[in-house]
PDB file of N, CA and C in Angstrom:
ATOM      1  N   UNK A   1      43.456  89.404 123.661  1.00  0.00           N
ATOM      2  CA  UNK A   1      44.084  88.093 123.713  1.00  0.00           C
ATOM      3  C   UNK A   1      43.300  87.125 122.830  1.00  0.00           C
ATOM      4  N   UNK A   2      43.978  86.216 122.231  1.00  0.00           N
ATOM      5  CA  UNK A   2      43.347  85.323 121.275  1.00  0.00           C
ATOM      6  C   UNK A   2      42.477  84.257 121.928  1.00  0.00           C
ATOM      7  N   UNK A   3      42.729  83.924 123.187  1.00  0.00           N
ATOM      8  CA  UNK A   3      41.975  82.860 123.850  1.00  0.00           C
ATOM      9  C   UNK A   3      41.505  83.370 125.205  1.00  0.00           C
ATOM     10  N   UNK A   4      40.261  83.815 125.266  1.00  0.00           N
ATOM     11  CA  UNK A   4      39.717  84.292 126.527  1.00  0.00           C
ATOM     12  C   UNK A   4      38.786  83.228 127.113  1.00  0.00           C
ATOM     13  N   UNK A   5      38.212  83.515 128.254  1.00  0.00           N
ATOM     14  CA  UNK A   5      37.389  82.543 128.967  1.00  0.00           C
ATOM     15  C   UNK A   5      36.150  82.154 128.165  1.00  0.00           C
ATOM     16  N   UNK A   6      35.604  83.095 127.435  1.00  0.00           N
ATOM     17  CA  UNK A   6      34.397  82.807 126.655  1.00  0.00           C
ATOM     18  C   UNK A   6      34.714  81.821 125.534  1.00  0.00           C
ATOM     19  N   UNK A   7      35.843  82.015 124.857  1.00  0.00           N
ATOM     20  CA  UNK A   7      36.229  81.101 123.776  1.00  0.00           C
ATOM     21  C   UNK A   7      36.513  79.703 124.321  1.00  0.00           C
ATOM     22  N   UNK A   8      37.159  79.638 125.499  1.00  0.00           N
ATOM     23  CA  UNK A   8      37.420  78.336 126.115  1.00  0.00           C
ATOM     24  C   UNK A   8      36.114  77.619 126.439  1.00  0.00           C
ATOM     25  N   UNK A   9      35.141  78.340 126.984  1.00  0.00           N
ATOM     26  CA  UNK A   9      33.863  77.723 127.312  1.00  0.00           C
ATOM     27  C   UNK A   9      33.167  77.215 126.062  1.00  0.00           C
ATOM     28  N   UNK A  10      33.263  77.960 124.955  1.00  0.00           N
ATOM     29  CA  UNK A  10      32.671  77.502 123.695  1.00  0.00           C
ATOM     30  C   UNK A  10      33.313  76.197 123.229  1.00  0.00           C
ATOM     31  N   UNK A  11      34.628  76.119 123.333  1.00  0.00           N
ATOM     32  CA  UNK A  11      35.338  74.902 122.925  1.00  0.00           C
ATOM     33  C   UNK A  11      34.940  73.733 123.815  1.00  0.00           C
ATOM     34  N   UNK A  12      34.907  73.962 125.137  1.00  0.00           N
ATOM     35  CA  UNK A  12      34.552  72.892 126.062  1.00  0.00           C
ATOM     36  C   UNK A  12      33.105  72.464 125.877  1.00  0.00           C
ATOM     37  N   UNK A  13      32.220  73.403 125.579  1.00  0.00           N
ATOM     38  CA  UNK A  13      30.811  73.066 125.379  1.00  0.00           C
ATOM     39  C   UNK A  13      30.617  72.259 124.100  1.00  0.00           C
ATOM     40  N   UNK A  14      31.380  72.602 123.067  1.00  0.00           N
ATOM     41  CA  UNK A  14      31.230  71.922 121.784  1.00  0.00           C
ATOM     42  C   UNK A  14      31.824  70.512 121.809  1.00  0.00           C
ATOM     43  N   UNK A  15      32.994  70.358 122.412  1.00  0.00           N
ATOM     44  CA  UNK A  15      33.693  69.075 122.347  1.00  0.00           C
ATOM     45  C   UNK A  15      33.617  68.267 123.632  1.00  0.00           C
ATOM     46  N   UNK A  16      33.360  68.905 124.760  1.00  0.00           N
ATOM     47  CA  UNK A  16      33.249  68.193 126.022  1.00  0.00           C
ATOM     48  C   UNK A  16      31.813  67.825 126.319  1.00  0.00           C
ATOM     49  N   UNK A  17      31.570  67.381 127.535  1.00  0.00           N
ATOM     50  CA  UNK A  17      30.220  67.018 127.932  1.00  0.00           C
ATOM     51  C   UNK A  17      29.401  68.242 128.317  1.00  0.00           C
ATOM     52  N   UNK A  18      30.058  69.274 128.825  1.00  0.00           N
ATOM     53  CA  UNK A  18      29.397  70.531 129.168  1.00  0.00           C
ATOM     54  C   UNK A  18      30.435  71.643 129.077  1.00  0.00           C
ATOM     55  N   UNK A  19      30.012  72.885 129.367  1.00  0.00           N
ATOM     56  CA  UNK A  19      30.979  73.971 129.262  1.00  0.00           C
ATOM     57  C   UNK A  19      31.946  74.005 130.440  1.00  0.00           C
ATOM     58  N   UNK A  20      31.676  73.237 131.495  1.00  0.00           N
ATOM     59  CA  UNK A  20      32.603  73.156 132.622  1.00  0.00           C
ATOM     60  C   UNK A  20      33.443  71.886 132.573  1.00  0.00           C
ATOM     61  N   UNK A  21      33.276  71.073 131.533  1.00  0.00           N
ATOM     62  CA  UNK A  21      34.021  69.822 131.390  1.00  0.00           C
ATOM     63  C   UNK A  21      35.385  70.126 130.775  1.00  0.00           C
ATOM     64  N   UNK A  22      36.339  70.438 131.643  1.00  0.00           N
ATOM     65  CA  UNK A  22      37.663  70.799 131.153  1.00  0.00           C
ATOM     66  C   UNK A  22      38.635  69.631 131.180  1.00  0.00           C
ATOM     67  N   UNK A  23      38.244  68.506 131.736  1.00  0.00           N
ATOM     68  CA  UNK A  23      39.178  67.412 131.929  1.00  0.00           C
ATOM     69  C   UNK A  23      39.083  66.289 130.929  1.00  0.00           C
ATOM     70  N   UNK A  24      38.021  66.246 130.140  1.00  0.00           N
ATOM     71  CA  UNK A  24      37.899  65.138 129.200  1.00  0.00           C
ATOM     72  C   UNK A  24      38.957  65.261 128.110  1.00  0.00           C
ATOM     73  N   UNK A  25      39.360  64.132 127.592  1.00  0.00           N
ATOM     74  CA  UNK A  25      40.416  64.115 126.575  1.00  0.00           C
ATOM     75  C   UNK A  25      39.981  64.866 125.324  1.00  0.00           C
ATOM     76  N   UNK A  26      38.709  64.730 124.944  1.00  0.00           N
ATOM     77  CA  UNK A  26      38.238  65.404 123.735  1.00  0.00           C
ATOM     78  C   UNK A  26      38.320  66.922 123.873  1.00  0.00           C
ATOM     79  N   UNK A  27      37.923  67.434 125.037  1.00  0.00           N
ATOM     80  CA  UNK A  27      37.957  68.878 125.257  1.00  0.00           C
ATOM     81  C   UNK A  27      39.392  69.392 125.251  1.00  0.00           C
ATOM     82  N   UNK A  28      40.297  68.654 125.876  1.00  0.00           N
ATOM     83  CA  UNK A  28      41.691  69.079 125.905  1.00  0.00           C
ATOM     84  C   UNK A  28      42.318  69.027 124.518  1.00  0.00           C
ATOM     85  N   UNK A  29      42.007  67.995 123.750  1.00  0.00           N
ATOM     86  CA  UNK A  29      42.535  67.886 122.393  1.00  0.00           C
ATOM     87  C   UNK A  29      42.030  69.040 121.537  1.00  0.00           C
ATOM     88  N   UNK A  30      40.761  69.397 121.682  1.00  0.00           N
ATOM     89  CA  UNK A  30      40.202  70.505 120.914  1.00  0.00           C
ATOM     90  C   UNK A  30      40.870  71.827 121.302  1.00  0.00           C
ATOM     91  N   UNK A  31      41.099  72.027 122.599  1.00  0.00           N
ATOM     92  CA  UNK A  31      41.756  73.256 123.053  1.00  0.00           C
ATOM     93  C   UNK A  31      43.194  73.316 122.548  1.00  0.00           C
ATOM     94  N   UNK A  32      43.905  72.202 122.628  1.00  0.00           N
ATOM     95  CA  UNK A  32      45.274  72.166 122.119  1.00  0.00           C
ATOM     96  C   UNK A  32      45.299  72.432 120.617  1.00  0.00           C
ATOM     97  N   UNK A  33      44.340  71.898 119.876  1.00  0.00           N
ATOM     98  CA  UNK A  33      44.301  72.103 118.432  1.00  0.00           C
ATOM     99  C   UNK A  33      44.077  73.572 118.101  1.00  0.00           C
ATOM    100  N   UNK A  34      43.220  74.238 118.865  1.00  0.00           N
ATOM    101  CA  UNK A  34      42.986  75.667 118.653  1.00  0.00           C
ATOM    102  C   UNK A  34      44.262  76.457 118.916  1.00  0.00           C
ATOM    103  N   UNK A  35      44.945  76.143 120.007  1.00  0.00           N
ATOM    104  CA  UNK A  35      46.182  76.835 120.344  1.00  0.00           C
ATOM    105  C   UNK A  35      47.273  76.545 119.319  1.00  0.00           C
ATOM    106  N   UNK A  36      47.355  75.309 118.837  1.00  0.00           N
ATOM    107  CA  UNK A  36      48.358  74.932 117.843  1.00  0.00           C
ATOM    108  C   UNK A  36      48.139  75.711 116.548  1.00  0.00           C
ATOM    109  N   UNK A  37      46.895  75.841 116.127  1.00  0.00           N
ATOM    110  CA  UNK A  37      46.630  76.582 114.892  1.00  0.00           C
ATOM    111  C   UNK A  37      47.009  78.054 115.043  1.00  0.00           C
ATOM    112  N   UNK A  38      46.748  78.627 116.214  1.00  0.00           N
ATOM    113  CA  UNK A  38      47.126  80.021 116.448  1.00  0.00           C
ATOM    114  C   UNK A  38      48.648  80.189 116.440  1.00  0.00           C
ATOM    115  N   UNK A  39      49.355  79.292 117.130  1.00  0.00           N
ATOM    116  CA  UNK A  39      50.815  79.402 117.176  1.00  0.00           C
ATOM    117  C   UNK A  39      51.451  79.122 115.814  1.00  0.00           C
ATOM    118  N   UNK A  40      50.830  78.278 115.018  1.00  0.00           N
ATOM    119  CA  UNK A  40      51.346  78.001 113.682  1.00  0.00           C
ATOM    120  C   UNK A  40      51.289  79.257 112.818  1.00  0.00           C
ATOM    121  N   UNK A  41      50.182  79.983 112.917  1.00  0.00           N
ATOM    122  CA  UNK A  41      50.081  81.234 112.170  1.00  0.00           C
ATOM    123  C   UNK A  41      51.117  82.244 112.666  1.00  0.00           C
ATOM    124  N   UNK A  42      51.358  82.286 113.964  1.00  0.00           N
ATOM    125  CA  UNK A  42      52.367  83.185 114.519  1.00  0.00           C
ATOM    126  C   UNK A  42      53.757  82.822 113.997  1.00  0.00           C
ATOM    127  N   UNK A  43      54.036  81.518 113.923  1.00  0.00           N
ATOM    128  CA  UNK A  43      55.356  81.086 113.471  1.00  0.00           C
ATOM    129  C   UNK A  43      55.575  81.361 111.984  1.00  0.00           C
ATOM    130  N   UNK A  44      54.509  81.442 111.200  1.00  0.00           N
ATOM    131  CA  UNK A  44      54.662  81.782 109.791  1.00  0.00           C
ATOM    132  C   UNK A  44      55.170  83.209 109.618  1.00  0.00           C
ATOM    133  N   UNK A  45      54.781  84.082 110.545  1.00  0.00           N
ATOM    134  CA  UNK A  45      55.205  85.483 110.469  1.00  0.00           C
ATOM    135  C   UNK A  45      56.524  85.732 111.185  1.00  0.00           C
ATOM    136  N   UNK A  46      56.801  84.978 112.247  1.00  0.00           N
ATOM    137  CA  UNK A  46      57.978  85.195 113.083  1.00  0.00           C
ATOM    138  C   UNK A  46      58.818  83.918 113.126  1.00  0.00           C
ATOM    139  N   UNK A  47      59.611  83.726 112.121  1.00  0.00           N
ATOM    140  CA  UNK A  47      60.354  82.477 111.981  1.00  0.00           C
ATOM    141  C   UNK A  47      61.442  82.288 113.031  1.00  0.00           C
ATOM    142  N   UNK A  48      61.953  83.360 113.600  1.00  0.00           N
ATOM    143  CA  UNK A  48      63.047  83.234 114.557  1.00  0.00           C
ATOM    144  C   UNK A  48      62.589  83.273 116.011  1.00  0.00           C
ATOM    145  N   UNK A  49      61.306  83.122 116.250  1.00  0.00           N
ATOM    146  CA  UNK A  49      60.768  83.112 117.606  1.00  0.00           C
ATOM    147  C   UNK A  49      60.901  81.693 118.159  1.00  0.00           C
ATOM    148  N   UNK A  50      62.050  81.410 118.731  1.00  0.00           N
ATOM    149  CA  UNK A  50      62.370  80.043 119.129  1.00  0.00           C
ATOM    150  C   UNK A  50      61.619  79.607 120.377  1.00  0.00           C
ATOM    151  N   UNK A  51      61.276  80.513 121.266  1.00  0.00           N
ATOM    152  CA  UNK A  51      60.518  80.123 122.461  1.00  0.00           C
ATOM    153  C   UNK A  51      59.104  79.701 122.079  1.00  0.00           C
ATOM    154  N   UNK A  52      58.510  80.382 121.111  1.00  0.00           N
ATOM    155  CA  UNK A  52      57.197  79.977 120.632  1.00  0.00           C
ATOM    156  C   UNK A  52      57.283  78.661 119.869  1.00  0.00           C
ATOM    157  N   UNK A  53      58.373  78.470 119.160  1.00  0.00           N
ATOM    158  CA  UNK A  53      58.559  77.214 118.436  1.00  0.00           C
ATOM    159  C   UNK A  53      58.626  76.033 119.409  1.00  0.00           C
ATOM    160  N   UNK A  54      59.302  76.230 120.520  1.00  0.00           N
ATOM    161  CA  UNK A  54      59.390  75.180 121.532  1.00  0.00           C
ATOM    162  C   UNK A  54      58.029  74.924 122.164  1.00  0.00           C
ATOM    163  N   UNK A  55      57.295  75.979 122.460  1.00  0.00           N
ATOM    164  CA  UNK A  55      55.958  75.828 123.033  1.00  0.00           C
ATOM    165  C   UNK A  55      55.033  75.088 122.069  1.00  0.00           C
ATOM    166  N   UNK A  56      55.144  75.396 120.789  1.00  0.00           N
ATOM    167  CA  UNK A  56      54.343  74.721 119.775  1.00  0.00           C
ATOM    168  C   UNK A  56      54.682  73.237 119.714  1.00  0.00           C
ATOM    169  N   UNK A  57      55.961  72.918 119.753  1.00  0.00           N
ATOM    170  CA  UNK A  57      56.391  71.522 119.741  1.00  0.00           C
ATOM    171  C   UNK A  57      55.870  70.765 120.962  1.00  0.00           C
ATOM    172  N   UNK A  58      55.901  71.424 122.118  1.00  0.00           N
ATOM    173  CA  UNK A  58      55.408  70.782 123.329  1.00  0.00           C
ATOM    174  C   UNK A  58      53.898  70.563 123.269  1.00  0.00           C
ATOM    175  N   UNK A  59      53.152  71.510 122.707  1.00  0.00           N
ATOM    176  CA  UNK A  59      51.707  71.354 122.570  1.00  0.00           C
ATOM    177  C   UNK A  59      51.350  70.217 121.624  1.00  0.00           C
ATOM    178  N   UNK A  60      52.083  70.102 120.544  1.00  0.00           N
ATOM    179  CA  UNK A  60      51.840  69.007 119.599  1.00  0.00           C
ATOM    180  C   UNK A  60      52.099  67.666 120.288  1.00  0.00           C
ATOM    181  N   UNK A  61      53.139  67.605 121.117  1.00  0.00           N
ATOM    182  CA  UNK A  61      53.428  66.377 121.854  1.00  0.00           C
ATOM    183  C   UNK A  61      52.346  66.041 122.855  1.00  0.00           C
ATOM    184  N   UNK A  62      51.817  67.037 123.554  1.00  0.00           N
ATOM    185  CA  UNK A  62      50.725  66.800 124.502  1.00  0.00           C
ATOM    186  C   UNK A  62      49.494  66.271 123.789  1.00  0.00           C
ATOM    187  N   UNK A  63      49.174  66.897 122.645  1.00  0.00           N
ATOM    188  CA  UNK A  63      48.004  66.444 121.888  1.00  0.00           C
ATOM    189  C   UNK A  63      48.216  65.030 121.378  1.00  0.00           C
ATOM    190  N   UNK A  64      49.432  64.735 120.928  1.00  0.00           N
ATOM    191  CA  UNK A  64      49.735  63.398 120.433  1.00  0.00           C
ATOM    192  C   UNK A  64      49.560  62.343 121.535  1.00  0.00           C
ATOM    193  N   UNK A  65      50.035  62.663 122.750  1.00  0.00           N
ATOM    194  CA  UNK A  65      49.894  61.727 123.868  1.00  0.00           C
ATOM    195  C   UNK A  65      48.430  61.494 124.227  1.00  0.00           C
ATOM    196  N   UNK A  66      47.624  62.548 124.214  1.00  0.00           N
ATOM    197  CA  UNK A  66      46.202  62.383 124.500  1.00  0.00           C
ATOM    198  C   UNK A  66      45.511  61.563 123.417  1.00  0.00           C
ATOM    199  N   UNK A  67      45.878  61.797 122.159  1.00  0.00           N
ATOM    200  CA  UNK A  67      45.304  60.999 121.074  1.00  0.00           C
ATOM    201  C   UNK A  67      45.714  59.533 121.191  1.00  0.00           C
ATOM    202  N   UNK A  68      46.959  59.274 121.562  1.00  0.00           N
ATOM    203  CA  UNK A  68      47.402  57.895 121.761  1.00  0.00           C
ATOM    204  C   UNK A  68      46.638  57.232 122.896  1.00  0.00           C
ATOM    205  N   UNK A  69      46.390  57.983 123.964  1.00  0.00           N
ATOM    206  CA  UNK A  69      45.614  57.468 125.094  1.00  0.00           C
ATOM    207  C   UNK A  69      44.205  57.079 124.644  1.00  0.00           C
ATOM    208  N   UNK A  70      43.560  57.964 123.893  1.00  0.00           N
ATOM    209  CA  UNK A  70      42.213  57.650 123.412  1.00  0.00           C
ATOM    210  C   UNK A  70      42.224  56.455 122.466  1.00  0.00           C
ATOM    211  N   UNK A  71      43.243  56.379 121.635  1.00  0.00           N
ATOM    212  CA  UNK A  71      43.319  55.285 120.656  1.00  0.00           C
ATOM    213  C   UNK A  71      43.430  53.928 121.341  1.00  0.00           C
ATOM    214  N   UNK A  72      44.189  53.862 122.435  1.00  0.00           N
ATOM    215  CA  UNK A  72      44.357  52.582 123.109  1.00  0.00           C
ATOM    216  C   UNK A  72      43.169  52.235 123.996  1.00  0.00           C
ATOM    217  N   UNK A  73      42.496  53.235 124.577  1.00  0.00           N
ATOM    218  CA  UNK A  73      41.435  52.943 125.539  1.00  0.00           C
ATOM    219  C   UNK A  73      40.034  52.958 124.951  1.00  0.00           C
ATOM    220  N   UNK A  74      39.752  53.829 124.013  1.00  0.00           N
ATOM    221  CA  UNK A  74      38.405  53.919 123.448  1.00  0.00           C
ATOM    222  C   UNK A  74      38.507  54.382 121.998  1.00  0.00           C
ATOM    223  N   UNK A  75      38.539  53.418 121.091  1.00  0.00           N
ATOM    224  CA  UNK A  75      38.771  53.720 119.683  1.00  0.00           C
ATOM    225  C   UNK A  75      37.617  54.523 119.074  1.00  0.00           C
ATOM    226  N   UNK A  76      36.404  54.345 119.583  1.00  0.00           N
ATOM    227  CA  UNK A  76      35.256  55.078 119.040  1.00  0.00           C
ATOM    228  C   UNK A  76      35.379  56.572 119.342  1.00  0.00           C
ATOM    229  N   UNK A  77      35.771  56.924 120.557  1.00  0.00           N
ATOM    230  CA  UNK A  77      35.967  58.334 120.916  1.00  0.00           C
ATOM    231  C   UNK A  77      37.118  58.933 120.110  1.00  0.00           C
ATOM    232  N   UNK A  78      38.171  58.137 119.884  1.00  0.00           N
ATOM    233  CA  UNK A  78      39.318  58.588 119.088  1.00  0.00           C
ATOM    234  C   UNK A  78      38.871  58.926 117.667  1.00  0.00           C
ATOM    235  N   UNK A  79      38.130  58.020 117.054  1.00  0.00           N
ATOM    236  CA  UNK A  79      37.675  58.256 115.680  1.00  0.00           C
ATOM    237  C   UNK A  79      36.732  59.442 115.590  1.00  0.00           C
ATOM    238  N   UNK A  80      35.904  59.628 116.625  1.00  0.00           N
ATOM    239  CA  UNK A  80      34.961  60.749 116.620  1.00  0.00           C
ATOM    240  C   UNK A  80      35.695  62.086 116.696  1.00  0.00           C
ATOM    241  N   UNK A  81      36.688  62.193 117.568  1.00  0.00           N
ATOM    242  CA  UNK A  81      37.393  63.467 117.718  1.00  0.00           C
ATOM    243  C   UNK A  81      38.262  63.760 116.497  1.00  0.00           C
ATOM    244  N   UNK A  82      38.833  62.721 115.903  1.00  0.00           N
ATOM    245  CA  UNK A  82      39.621  62.899 114.688  1.00  0.00           C
ATOM    246  C   UNK A  82      38.725  63.424 113.550  1.00  0.00           C
ATOM    247  N   UNK A  83      37.526  62.860 113.467  1.00  0.00           N
ATOM    248  CA  UNK A  83      36.617  63.252 112.399  1.00  0.00           C
ATOM    249  C   UNK A  83      36.112  64.681 112.599  1.00  0.00           C
ATOM    250  N   UNK A  84      35.770  65.057 113.836  1.00  0.00           N
ATOM    251  CA  UNK A  84      35.220  66.393 114.058  1.00  0.00           C
ATOM    252  C   UNK A  84      36.282  67.476 113.907  1.00  0.00           C
ATOM    253  N   UNK A  85      37.500  67.206 114.326  1.00  0.00           N
ATOM    254  CA  UNK A  85      38.564  68.212 114.210  1.00  0.00           C
ATOM    255  C   UNK A  85      39.267  68.169 112.864  1.00  0.00           C
ATOM    256  N   UNK A  86      39.133  67.074 112.148  1.00  0.00           N
ATOM    257  CA  UNK A  86      39.769  66.970 110.844  1.00  0.00           C
ATOM    258  C   UNK A  86      41.278  66.853 110.928  1.00  0.00           C
ATOM    259  N   UNK A  87      41.771  66.081 111.895  1.00  0.00           N
ATOM    260  CA  UNK A  87      43.203  65.970 112.085  1.00  0.00           C
ATOM    261  C   UNK A  87      43.853  64.978 111.130  1.00  0.00           C
ATOM    262  N   UNK A  88      43.117  63.993 110.684  1.00  0.00           N
ATOM    263  CA  UNK A  88      43.669  62.992 109.779  1.00  0.00           C
ATOM    264  C   UNK A  88      42.885  62.995 108.483  1.00  0.00           C
ATOM    265  N   UNK A  89      43.472  62.400 107.463  1.00  0.00           N
ATOM    266  CA  UNK A  89      42.803  62.311 106.180  1.00  0.00           C
ATOM    267  C   UNK A  89      41.920  61.090 106.131  1.00  0.00           C
TER     268      UNK A  89
END
């Protein structure tokens, strides 16, 4: 499987406060970004996989909502996560 418990802990440790910090917005955004990149590669090979396309669209929306939340409440955290993940130019 592409995302096992060890990979999740690495993501949470790198972007969250600790490896058990699964609730912070930064950790969730990083996890969603990893999943989005994986599903994007899958969609390049399987163009007619509509259920995966819907899941990808929903993940992008979740990440967008979390980014909007960070932008309105703490602009410094928003800019930091954008810079580390490279989501914007």
